[in-house]
Amino acid sequence: MTRPSPSLQRPKHPPRMKLRGGIWWLKLAIPRALRAHYRSASGKPRTHIEESLRTGDRAAAMSERDMRVAFWQAEFRRLARGADGAVEAPSLATRAAHWREALRMAANSDDFDALRGLLTDEAEEIEQKHGTTAAQRFARLAQETDAPTMREAWKAWIDASELNESTKGKYKLAFEEFMGRLEVPDLLLRDVTRKVTQDYADWLNTEAKSAHGGQLAHRTKKDRITALASFWSDYVERRHLVKDGRNPWHELKITGRRKPSDGPEGRKRPYRDEELLAFINGPEVRQSEKTRYPKRTLLELLALGLYTGARLDELCSRKVGDVVPFEHGFMLHITGSKTEAGIRVLPVVHPIAVGILKARIGGRKERDAQLFAEFIPGGRDKKLSWYPQRALGRYRDQVGLGVETDFHSTRRSFITRLEDAGASPLARDRYVGHTPKDLASRVYSGGSEGQLLKIAQTISYPQEIENALCAALAEAGGPD
């Protein structure tokens, strides 16, 4: 059997734990061949890694010890393979977090000053490897324990947030991207200055690349900034975690050509009647290598959007078991949505929408089967709406509609038609999954099934549009 490299052999002295100031610490021997990569403040090679396990409970410390030993062993293997000899920058934030916890728990103990001395030694070591700025940020993160850091505050906010998983994923991407631009990937909240945020915005404007290697679109850059601005206003400002109440993420300069929909003149809006007719009476989908769905599928989505006001992903994600017959038509169960208010049950009674749902269910009994069996996951979030959304956009362009309309325009049209018909605003909001605006309705009322049924019975469109939709669905093999 081949023996492992000497640098990776089990050290003569196994990992040890020591109690200091009520906190357990790890002491781990560095393989002899790698000690030159870890030097003390005086420049001498270090023989051991010493770090806080952040707890005074022995059982918890042993569990943490195992994870930290695994981390350092992976680091040793990386160095032994000949990778860059410097400890990776992201570990500086982790090391600072260990120190913060250790100093918090050792406060007022006899070991506090000794820990501060060890922290100073580590900061001097970091200065030699990463420079003065990194060492200063590390020391501030480690020592100033009274307020949360950016990373601590972000985690508390995102964990408690009611955002759906897709939006959380986009927000986390923006956060980690911003953190990755820092020499130490964390910082005190008061150090998030206008200069720091504009530096990130400048990088988005000039150097950041899309997944295809090109410049980021204006909307993409704006979304990244919006994610961080939302965190700041919703968490940092509400809790008065910084003295300066100004949000450093507001009014940053974002360059690039805007899409027409980004400005007030091109703001997204409901469909006009002639636009719906152009979509309904348009030709079959233009065939290309990107074509996945026929016009019939797009018409079914359009009609369901017009008669339910549901979001595209709410429709695409439905299963057979989510469509339940009742005396007037079907009850459509929206079990996953963008917001908590979006989880709802919709009565669907208009003959066009009922016919589509009935045809989609057919004789299928598998409750967990997809309502739209042909849809496949796509995009970073693996959503069933990813490919349909693009197909709808291409067909919109094919029939010559402007970018100020999209599938969400069916939802806008639904709400507008109900407003014109004098429908109850509260019942309308509950039907489309909006949070009621008044406290009593939001907290004390669960909504009325009768009122939701009345909304479903109220929605309709001009007869010319409904006749055209029925004819197009019948021609494409859909319901009459």
Protein backbone atom coordinates (compact mmCIF):
# COMPACT_ATOMS: atom_id res chain seq x y z
CA MET A 1 0.00 0.00 0.00
CA THR A 2 1.29 3.46 -0.89
CA ARG A 3 2.08 5.56 2.14
CA PRO A 4 0.74 9.11 2.25
CA SER A 5 3.00 12.09 1.69
CA PRO A 6 4.98 12.95 4.86
CA SER A 7 3.24 16.32 4.97
CA LEU A 8 -0.13 14.58 5.28
CA GLN A 9 0.71 11.83 7.74
CA ARG A 10 -1.16 11.88 11.02
CA PRO A 11 0.70 14.27 13.35
CA LYS A 12 2.45 12.77 16.34
CA HIS A 13 0.32 14.91 18.63
CA PRO A 14 -3.46 14.61 18.01
CA PRO A 15 -5.76 17.65 18.30
CA ARG A 16 -6.15 18.89 21.85
CA MET A 17 -8.70 21.03 23.65
CA LYS A 18 -7.94 23.46 26.46
CA LEU A 19 -10.33 25.49 28.64
CA ARG A 20 -9.52 29.21 28.79
CA GLY A 21 -11.81 31.69 30.50
CA GLY A 22 -14.69 29.23 30.37
CA ILE A 23 -14.23 28.69 26.58
CA TRP A 24 -12.78 25.59 24.95
CA TRP A 25 -9.90 26.14 22.53
CA LEU A 26 -8.47 23.88 19.84
CA LYS A 27 -4.74 23.23 19.54
CA LEU A 28 -3.82 21.44 16.31
CA ALA A 29 -0.31 20.56 15.14
CA ILE A 30 0.68 21.92 11.71
CA PRO A 31 2.46 19.32 9.51
CA ARG A 32 6.18 20.08 9.64
CA ALA A 33 6.51 20.54 5.87
CA LEU A 34 3.81 23.23 5.88
CA ARG A 35 4.86 25.31 8.88
CA ALA A 36 6.59 27.91 6.72
CA HIS A 37 3.14 28.94 5.49
CA TYR A 38 2.00 29.83 9.02
CA ARG A 39 4.29 32.31 10.74
CA SER A 40 4.11 34.15 14.06
CA ALA A 41 4.36 37.92 14.42
CA SER A 42 8.14 37.60 14.72
CA GLY A 43 8.32 35.70 11.42
CA LYS A 44 9.05 32.28 12.89
CA PRO A 45 7.18 29.24 11.55
CA ARG A 46 4.26 28.31 13.79
CA THR A 47 3.97 24.75 15.03
CA HIS A 48 0.28 24.76 15.96
CA ILE A 49 -3.07 26.24 15.03
CA GLU A 50 -4.87 27.64 18.09
CA GLU A 51 -8.44 28.89 17.86
CA SER A 52 -11.56 29.28 19.97
CA LEU A 53 -14.30 26.63 19.76
CA ARG A 54 -16.79 29.32 20.90
CA THR A 55 -18.46 27.32 23.66
CA GLY A 56 -17.96 26.30 27.26
CA ASP A 57 -19.90 23.07 26.82
CA ARG A 58 -17.52 20.16 26.35
CA ALA A 59 -19.83 18.05 24.17
CA ALA A 60 -20.56 21.00 21.88
CA ALA A 61 -16.86 21.84 21.79
CA MET A 62 -15.97 18.31 20.71
CA SER A 63 -18.45 18.54 17.82
CA GLU A 64 -17.07 21.92 16.77
CA ARG A 65 -13.54 20.56 17.15
CA ASP A 66 -14.22 17.82 14.64
CA MET A 67 -15.49 20.31 12.07
CA ARG A 68 -12.55 22.66 12.55
CA VAL A 69 -10.03 19.82 12.34
CA ALA A 70 -11.66 18.74 9.06
CA PHE A 71 -11.38 22.32 7.80
CA TRP A 72 -7.70 22.61 8.65
CA GLN A 73 -6.87 19.19 7.25
CA ALA A 74 -8.44 20.24 3.95
CA GLU A 75 -6.36 23.42 4.10
CA PHE A 76 -3.21 21.40 4.70
CA ARG A 77 -4.02 19.14 1.75
CA ARG A 78 -4.54 22.18 -0.46
CA LEU A 79 -1.15 23.57 0.45
CA ALA A 80 0.52 20.18 0.02
CA ARG A 81 -0.80 20.03 -3.57
CA GLY A 82 1.11 23.20 -4.33
CA ALA A 83 -1.72 25.71 -4.30
CA ASP A 84 -1.17 29.33 -3.33
CA GLY A 85 0.58 29.36 0.02
CA ALA A 86 -1.48 32.14 1.56
CA VAL A 87 -4.48 31.22 3.66
CA GLU A 88 -7.55 32.01 1.55
CA ALA A 89 -9.06 35.43 2.28
CA PRO A 90 -12.57 34.15 3.11
CA SER A 91 -11.16 32.31 6.14
CA LEU A 92 -10.23 35.67 7.68
CA ALA A 93 -13.90 36.48 8.28
CA THR A 94 -14.43 33.05 9.85
CA ARG A 95 -11.41 33.50 12.10
CA ALA A 96 -12.64 36.96 13.11
CA ALA A 97 -16.05 35.47 13.98
CA HIS A 98 -14.36 32.89 16.23
CA TRP A 99 -12.52 35.67 18.03
CA ARG A 100 -15.67 37.78 18.43
CA GLU A 101 -17.47 34.90 20.11
CA ALA A 102 -14.49 34.04 22.29
CA LEU A 103 -14.05 37.63 23.49
CA ARG A 104 -17.78 38.00 24.16
CA MET A 105 -17.85 34.88 26.32
CA ALA A 106 -14.56 35.68 28.09
CA ALA A 107 -15.60 39.24 28.99
CA ASN A 108 -14.79 40.11 32.63
CA SER A 109 -12.75 36.92 33.03
CA ASP A 110 -9.07 36.66 33.97
CA ASP A 111 -8.24 35.34 30.51
CA PHE A 112 -9.63 38.32 28.59
CA ASP A 113 -6.34 40.24 28.41
CA ALA A 114 -4.46 37.08 27.44
CA LEU A 115 -6.91 36.47 24.60
CA ARG A 116 -6.44 40.05 23.40
CA GLY A 117 -2.71 39.41 23.30
CA LEU A 118 -3.17 36.28 21.19
CA LEU A 119 -5.51 38.22 18.90
CA THR A 120 -2.85 40.89 18.39
CA ASP A 121 -0.36 38.21 17.40
CA GLU A 122 -2.77 36.82 14.82
CA ALA A 123 -3.51 40.29 13.41
CA GLU A 124 0.24 40.88 12.95
CA GLU A 125 0.51 37.55 11.14
CA ILE A 126 -2.36 38.54 8.84
CA GLU A 127 -0.67 41.87 8.14
CA GLN A 128 2.43 40.07 6.90
CA LYS A 129 0.42 37.84 4.55
CA HIS A 130 -2.48 40.06 3.45
CA GLY A 131 -1.47 43.64 4.16
CA THR A 132 -2.28 46.37 6.64
CA THR A 133 -5.87 47.03 5.52
CA ALA A 134 -6.86 43.37 5.84
CA ALA A 135 -5.22 43.13 9.27
CA GLN A 136 -7.01 46.27 10.50
CA ARG A 137 -10.39 45.04 9.30
CA PHE A 138 -9.78 41.63 10.85
CA ALA A 139 -8.86 43.21 14.20
CA ARG A 140 -11.90 45.49 14.22
CA LEU A 141 -14.22 42.65 13.33
CA ALA A 142 -12.74 40.46 16.05
CA GLN A 143 -12.60 43.05 18.85
CA GLU A 144 -15.66 45.28 18.45
CA THR A 145 -18.29 42.88 19.71
CA ASP A 146 -21.06 45.27 20.82
CA ALA A 147 -22.88 45.45 17.48
CA PRO A 148 -23.51 42.84 14.76
CA THR A 149 -21.33 42.75 11.67
CA MET A 150 -22.75 43.00 8.16
CA ARG A 151 -22.75 39.22 7.82
CA GLU A 152 -24.39 38.63 11.22
CA ALA A 153 -27.11 41.22 10.51
CA TRP A 154 -27.72 39.84 7.01
CA LYS A 155 -28.14 36.28 8.29
CA ALA A 156 -30.62 37.40 10.96
CA TRP A 157 -32.62 39.34 8.36
CA ILE A 158 -32.67 36.73 5.59
CA ASP A 159 -33.53 33.90 8.01
CA ALA A 160 -36.54 35.83 9.35
CA SER A 161 -37.61 37.14 5.96
CA GLU A 162 -40.89 36.09 4.30
CA LEU A 163 -39.28 36.27 0.86
CA ASN A 164 -39.71 33.14 -1.24
CA GLU A 165 -36.72 30.89 -1.85
CA SER A 166 -36.15 32.19 -5.37
CA THR A 167 -35.92 35.81 -4.23
CA LYS A 168 -33.77 34.82 -1.27
CA GLY A 169 -31.41 33.08 -3.67
CA LYS A 170 -31.07 36.23 -5.78
CA TYR A 171 -30.53 38.38 -2.70
CA LYS A 172 -27.91 36.00 -1.31
CA LEU A 173 -26.08 36.12 -4.65
CA ALA A 174 -25.88 39.93 -4.44
CA PHE A 175 -24.71 39.77 -0.81
CA GLU A 176 -21.97 37.20 -1.36
CA GLU A 177 -20.85 39.00 -4.51
CA PHE A 178 -20.48 42.23 -2.53
CA MET A 179 -18.69 40.44 0.30
CA GLY A 180 -16.35 38.78 -2.18
CA ARG A 181 -15.15 42.22 -3.27
CA LEU A 182 -13.82 42.97 0.24
CA GLU A 183 -10.34 42.10 1.48
CA VAL A 184 -12.01 40.52 4.51
CA PRO A 185 -15.49 39.27 3.52
CA ASP A 186 -17.30 40.93 6.42
CA LEU A 187 -17.26 44.38 7.99
CA LEU A 188 -18.84 46.43 10.73
CA LEU A 189 -22.09 48.08 9.72
CA ARG A 190 -20.71 51.57 10.33
CA ASP A 191 -17.92 50.80 7.85
CA VAL A 192 -20.46 50.33 5.03
CA THR A 193 -19.86 53.85 3.74
CA ARG A 194 -20.99 55.52 0.55
CA LYS A 195 -17.52 54.97 -0.87
CA VAL A 196 -17.71 51.22 -0.18
CA THR A 197 -21.12 50.86 -1.82
CA GLN A 198 -20.25 53.01 -4.85
CA ASP A 199 -17.04 50.99 -5.32
CA TYR A 200 -19.24 47.90 -5.63
CA ALA A 201 -21.59 49.72 -8.02
CA ASP A 202 -18.58 50.84 -10.11
CA TRP A 203 -17.44 47.23 -10.33
CA LEU A 204 -20.91 46.16 -11.49
CA ASN A 205 -20.78 48.93 -14.11
CA THR A 206 -17.32 48.15 -15.49
CA GLU A 207 -15.99 44.68 -14.63
CA ALA A 208 -18.80 42.32 -13.58
CA LYS A 209 -19.73 39.71 -16.16
CA SER A 210 -22.92 37.83 -16.90
CA ALA A 211 -23.11 34.04 -17.12
CA HIS A 212 -22.44 34.39 -20.85
CA GLY A 213 -19.35 36.53 -20.34
CA GLY A 214 -20.89 39.86 -21.35
CA GLN A 215 -21.60 43.04 -19.43
CA LEU A 216 -24.43 42.93 -16.91
CA ALA A 217 -27.75 44.35 -18.04
CA HIS A 218 -28.92 47.58 -16.42
CA ARG A 219 -31.83 45.75 -14.73
CA THR A 220 -29.51 43.06 -13.34
CA LYS A 221 -27.21 45.65 -11.79
CA LYS A 222 -30.15 47.52 -10.35
CA ASP A 223 -31.56 44.30 -8.85
CA ARG A 224 -28.26 43.60 -7.07
CA ILE A 225 -28.26 47.04 -5.50
CA THR A 226 -31.97 46.76 -4.62
CA ALA A 227 -31.31 43.54 -2.68
CA LEU A 228 -28.73 45.23 -0.45
CA ALA A 229 -30.77 48.42 -0.10
CA SER A 230 -33.79 46.38 1.03
CA PHE A 231 -31.74 44.66 3.72
CA TRP A 232 -30.43 47.99 4.96
CA SER A 233 -33.81 49.74 5.14
CA ASP A 234 -35.73 46.73 6.49
CA TYR A 235 -33.21 45.61 9.13
CA VAL A 236 -30.38 48.04 9.83
CA GLU A 237 -32.45 51.24 9.80
CA ARG A 238 -35.44 49.75 11.65
CA ARG A 239 -33.18 48.60 14.48
CA HIS A 240 -31.09 51.79 14.52
CA LEU A 241 -27.89 49.76 14.22
CA VAL A 242 -25.95 52.71 12.81
CA LYS A 243 -25.99 56.35 13.94
CA ASP A 244 -26.24 57.76 10.43
CA GLY A 245 -29.77 56.92 9.31
CA ARG A 246 -28.96 57.38 5.63
CA ASN A 247 -29.11 54.25 3.48
CA PRO A 248 -25.72 53.99 1.72
CA TRP A 249 -27.26 51.81 -1.02
CA HIS A 250 -29.71 54.46 -2.23
CA GLU A 251 -29.10 56.59 -5.34
CA LEU A 252 -25.96 54.80 -6.49
CA LYS A 253 -24.91 55.50 -10.06
CA ILE A 254 -25.82 52.58 -12.33
CA THR A 255 -24.76 52.90 -15.94
CA GLY A 256 -25.87 51.10 -19.08
CA ARG A 257 -28.74 51.31 -21.51
CA ARG A 258 -32.10 50.82 -19.87
CA LYS A 259 -34.75 48.64 -21.36
CA PRO A 260 -37.85 50.60 -22.35
CA SER A 261 -39.66 49.08 -19.38
CA ASP A 262 -37.15 50.59 -16.90
CA GLY A 263 -38.32 54.18 -17.29
CA PRO A 264 -41.67 55.83 -16.52
CA GLU A 265 -42.59 56.02 -20.21
CA GLY A 266 -42.15 52.30 -20.72
CA ARG A 267 -43.54 51.06 -17.43
CA LYS A 268 -45.23 47.65 -17.59
CA ARG A 269 -49.01 47.87 -17.96
CA PRO A 270 -52.15 45.79 -18.63
CA TYR A 271 -52.92 44.48 -22.10
CA ARG A 272 -55.01 46.63 -24.39
CA ASP A 273 -57.90 44.88 -26.15
CA GLU A 274 -56.20 45.05 -29.55
CA GLU A 275 -53.03 43.53 -28.08
CA LEU A 276 -54.93 40.58 -26.67
CA LEU A 277 -56.55 40.04 -30.05
CA ALA A 278 -53.14 40.21 -31.77
CA PHE A 279 -51.82 37.56 -29.37
CA ILE A 280 -54.89 35.32 -29.68
CA ASN A 281 -55.21 35.58 -33.47
CA GLY A 282 -51.49 35.36 -34.16
CA PRO A 283 -49.84 32.59 -36.20
CA GLU A 284 -48.46 29.33 -34.86
CA VAL A 285 -45.24 29.66 -32.89
CA ARG A 286 -42.28 30.35 -35.15
CA GLN A 287 -40.18 27.18 -35.30
CA SER A 288 -36.57 27.43 -34.13
CA GLU A 289 -34.09 25.50 -32.04
CA LYS A 290 -35.48 27.32 -28.98
CA THR A 291 -39.11 26.31 -29.63
CA ARG A 292 -40.47 24.11 -26.84
CA TYR A 293 -44.21 24.75 -26.69
CA PRO A 294 -46.92 25.21 -29.35
CA LYS A 295 -49.25 28.18 -29.48
CA ARG A 296 -51.96 26.16 -27.73
CA THR A 297 -49.88 25.95 -24.54
CA LEU A 298 -49.21 29.69 -24.61
CA LEU A 299 -52.91 30.43 -25.14
CA GLU A 300 -53.86 28.22 -22.19
CA LEU A 301 -51.43 30.11 -19.94
CA LEU A 302 -52.68 33.44 -21.26
CA ALA A 303 -56.32 32.50 -20.60
CA LEU A 304 -55.64 31.18 -17.09
CA GLY A 305 -53.74 34.36 -16.31
CA LEU A 306 -56.59 36.52 -17.59
CA TYR A 307 -59.27 34.67 -15.61
CA THR A 308 -57.41 34.01 -12.34
CA GLY A 309 -54.86 36.84 -12.10
CA ALA A 310 -52.34 34.22 -10.93
CA ARG A 311 -48.62 34.71 -11.42
CA LEU A 312 -46.93 32.64 -14.12
CA ASP A 313 -45.00 30.41 -11.74
CA GLU A 314 -48.14 29.86 -9.65
CA LEU A 315 -49.81 28.41 -12.74
CA CYS A 316 -46.85 26.47 -14.13
CA SER A 317 -46.14 24.80 -10.77
CA ARG A 318 -49.62 23.41 -10.24
CA LYS A 319 -50.23 19.69 -9.89
CA VAL A 320 -53.29 17.65 -10.76
CA GLY A 321 -54.19 17.42 -7.07
CA ASP A 322 -54.23 21.22 -6.82
CA VAL A 323 -57.30 21.40 -9.10
CA VAL A 324 -60.36 20.25 -7.14
CA PRO A 325 -63.88 20.13 -8.69
CA PHE A 326 -66.77 21.90 -6.95
CA GLU A 327 -70.34 22.72 -7.98
CA HIS A 328 -69.46 25.85 -9.99
CA GLY A 329 -66.17 24.74 -11.57
CA PHE A 330 -62.81 24.13 -9.90
CA MET A 331 -61.01 25.25 -6.75
CA LEU A 332 -57.40 26.04 -7.67
CA HIS A 333 -55.03 25.54 -4.72
CA ILE A 334 -51.96 27.83 -4.88
CA THR A 335 -49.62 26.06 -2.46
CA GLY A 336 -46.44 27.97 -3.24
CA SER A 337 -46.15 31.66 -4.03
CA LYS A 338 -43.93 34.73 -4.01
CA THR A 339 -45.42 35.91 -0.70
CA GLU A 340 -47.24 34.42 2.29
CA ALA A 341 -50.44 36.13 1.15
CA GLY A 342 -50.07 34.30 -2.16
CA ILE A 343 -50.89 30.95 -0.55
CA ARG A 344 -54.59 30.75 -1.31
CA VAL A 345 -57.48 28.76 -2.82
CA LEU A 346 -59.19 30.29 -5.85
CA PRO A 347 -62.65 29.42 -7.16
CA VAL A 348 -62.46 29.28 -10.99
CA VAL A 349 -65.83 29.42 -12.73
CA HIS A 350 -65.46 31.13 -16.11
CA PRO A 351 -66.21 28.54 -18.84
CA ILE A 352 -62.98 29.20 -20.75
CA ALA A 353 -60.71 28.68 -17.71
CA VAL A 354 -62.82 25.74 -16.47
CA GLY A 355 -62.55 24.08 -19.91
CA ILE A 356 -58.76 24.43 -19.93
CA LEU A 357 -58.39 22.93 -16.44
CA LYS A 358 -60.79 20.10 -17.25
CA ALA A 359 -58.87 19.22 -20.43
CA ARG A 360 -55.55 19.38 -18.60
CA ILE A 361 -56.69 16.99 -15.89
CA GLY A 362 -58.38 14.60 -18.34
CA GLY A 363 -58.58 11.17 -16.80
CA ARG A 364 -55.37 11.51 -14.79
CA LYS A 365 -55.56 10.35 -11.19
CA GLU A 366 -51.94 10.98 -10.08
CA ARG A 367 -52.35 13.88 -7.67
CA ASP A 368 -48.62 14.68 -7.74
CA ALA A 369 -48.43 14.80 -11.55
CA GLN A 370 -47.75 18.20 -13.13
CA LEU A 371 -50.83 19.93 -14.51
CA PHE A 372 -48.70 21.03 -17.47
CA ALA A 373 -46.94 17.73 -18.02
CA GLU A 374 -44.68 19.10 -20.77
CA PHE A 375 -42.97 21.72 -18.58
CA ILE A 376 -39.41 21.04 -17.42
CA PRO A 377 -37.35 22.94 -14.82
CA GLY A 378 -35.00 25.62 -16.04
CA GLY A 379 -32.81 28.51 -14.91
CA ARG A 380 -30.76 28.88 -11.76
CA ASP A 381 -33.80 28.27 -9.55
CA LYS A 382 -35.03 25.27 -11.59
CA LYS A 383 -38.50 26.74 -12.00
CA LEU A 384 -41.14 25.19 -14.22
CA SER A 385 -42.00 28.70 -15.43
CA TRP A 386 -38.50 29.44 -16.77
CA TYR A 387 -38.96 28.09 -20.31
CA PRO A 388 -42.64 29.13 -20.66
CA GLN A 389 -41.73 32.68 -19.70
CA ARG A 390 -39.19 32.85 -22.50
CA ALA A 391 -41.55 31.21 -24.97
CA LEU A 392 -44.24 33.78 -24.13
CA GLY A 393 -41.74 36.59 -24.59
CA ARG A 394 -40.65 35.31 -27.99
CA TYR A 395 -44.25 34.93 -29.14
CA ARG A 396 -45.06 38.45 -27.92
CA ASP A 397 -42.22 39.70 -30.12
CA GLN A 398 -43.38 37.51 -33.02
CA VAL A 399 -46.83 39.12 -33.07
CA GLY A 400 -45.36 42.60 -32.70
CA LEU A 401 -46.32 43.60 -29.15
CA GLY A 402 -44.10 45.99 -27.20
CA VAL A 403 -41.91 45.13 -24.22
CA GLU A 404 -44.19 47.17 -21.94
CA THR A 405 -46.36 44.03 -21.78
CA ASP A 406 -45.43 40.60 -20.47
CA PHE A 407 -47.25 37.67 -18.86
CA HIS A 408 -47.71 39.71 -15.67
CA SER A 409 -49.86 42.02 -17.80
CA THR A 410 -52.59 39.37 -17.56
CA ARG A 411 -52.58 39.94 -13.80
CA ARG A 412 -52.69 43.70 -14.34
CA SER A 413 -55.58 43.25 -16.78
CA PHE A 414 -57.43 41.02 -14.29
CA ILE A 415 -57.16 43.63 -11.53
CA THR A 416 -58.11 46.47 -13.88
CA ARG A 417 -61.24 44.65 -15.12
CA LEU A 418 -62.34 44.03 -11.52
CA GLU A 419 -61.79 47.68 -10.62
CA ASP A 420 -63.88 48.75 -13.60
CA ALA A 421 -66.61 46.32 -12.51
CA GLY A 422 -66.69 47.79 -9.00
CA ALA A 423 -65.52 44.61 -7.25
CA SER A 424 -64.65 44.68 -3.55
CA PRO A 425 -60.98 45.79 -3.21
CA LEU A 426 -60.46 43.52 -0.19
CA ALA A 427 -61.88 40.43 -1.95
CA ARG A 428 -59.89 41.29 -5.08
CA ASP A 429 -56.65 41.57 -3.10
CA ARG A 430 -57.26 38.24 -1.40
CA TYR A 431 -58.05 36.58 -4.72
CA VAL A 432 -54.82 37.73 -6.39
CA GLY A 433 -52.70 37.10 -3.29
CA HIS A 434 -52.01 40.67 -2.17
CA THR A 435 -51.68 41.42 1.53
CA PRO A 436 -54.71 43.47 2.70
CA LYS A 437 -53.76 47.06 3.41
CA ASP A 438 -55.74 47.62 6.62
CA LEU A 439 -54.69 46.04 9.92
CA ALA A 440 -58.08 44.53 10.80
CA SER A 441 -58.34 42.64 7.52
CA ARG A 442 -54.72 41.59 7.65
CA VAL A 443 -54.72 40.28 11.22
CA TYR A 444 -58.26 39.37 12.18
CA SER A 445 -59.97 38.29 8.97
CA GLY A 446 -59.26 35.14 7.01
CA GLY A 447 -61.40 36.20 4.07
CA SER A 448 -64.77 35.04 2.81
CA GLU A 449 -65.21 32.14 0.35
CA GLY A 450 -68.39 33.77 -0.85
CA GLN A 451 -66.58 36.99 -1.67
CA LEU A 452 -63.87 35.09 -3.59
CA LEU A 453 -66.56 33.25 -5.55
CA LYS A 454 -68.14 36.59 -6.39
CA ILE A 455 -64.78 37.78 -7.79
CA ALA A 456 -64.55 34.65 -9.95
CA GLN A 457 -68.08 35.25 -11.23
CA THR A 458 -67.39 38.94 -11.95
CA ILE A 459 -64.32 38.63 -14.17
CA SER A 460 -64.98 38.80 -17.90
CA TYR A 461 -63.61 40.43 -21.04
CA PRO A 462 -65.22 42.01 -24.13
CA GLN A 463 -67.18 39.47 -26.14
CA GLU A 464 -64.88 39.89 -29.15
CA ILE A 465 -61.90 38.77 -27.07
CA GLU A 466 -63.71 35.83 -25.48
CA ASN A 467 -65.04 34.63 -28.84
CA ALA A 468 -61.57 34.87 -30.37
CA LEU A 469 -60.06 32.97 -27.44
CA CYS A 470 -62.62 30.16 -27.69
CA ALA A 471 -62.08 29.88 -31.43
CA ALA A 472 -58.30 29.83 -31.16
CA LEU A 473 -58.32 27.19 -28.42
CA ALA A 474 -60.72 25.02 -30.42
CA GLU A 475 -58.60 25.33 -33.56
CA ALA A 476 -55.51 24.36 -31.56
CA GLY A 477 -57.25 21.33 -30.09
CA GLY A 478 -58.14 22.93 -26.78
CA PRO A 479 -61.51 23.21 -25.02
CA ASP A 480 -64.44 24.99 -26.68
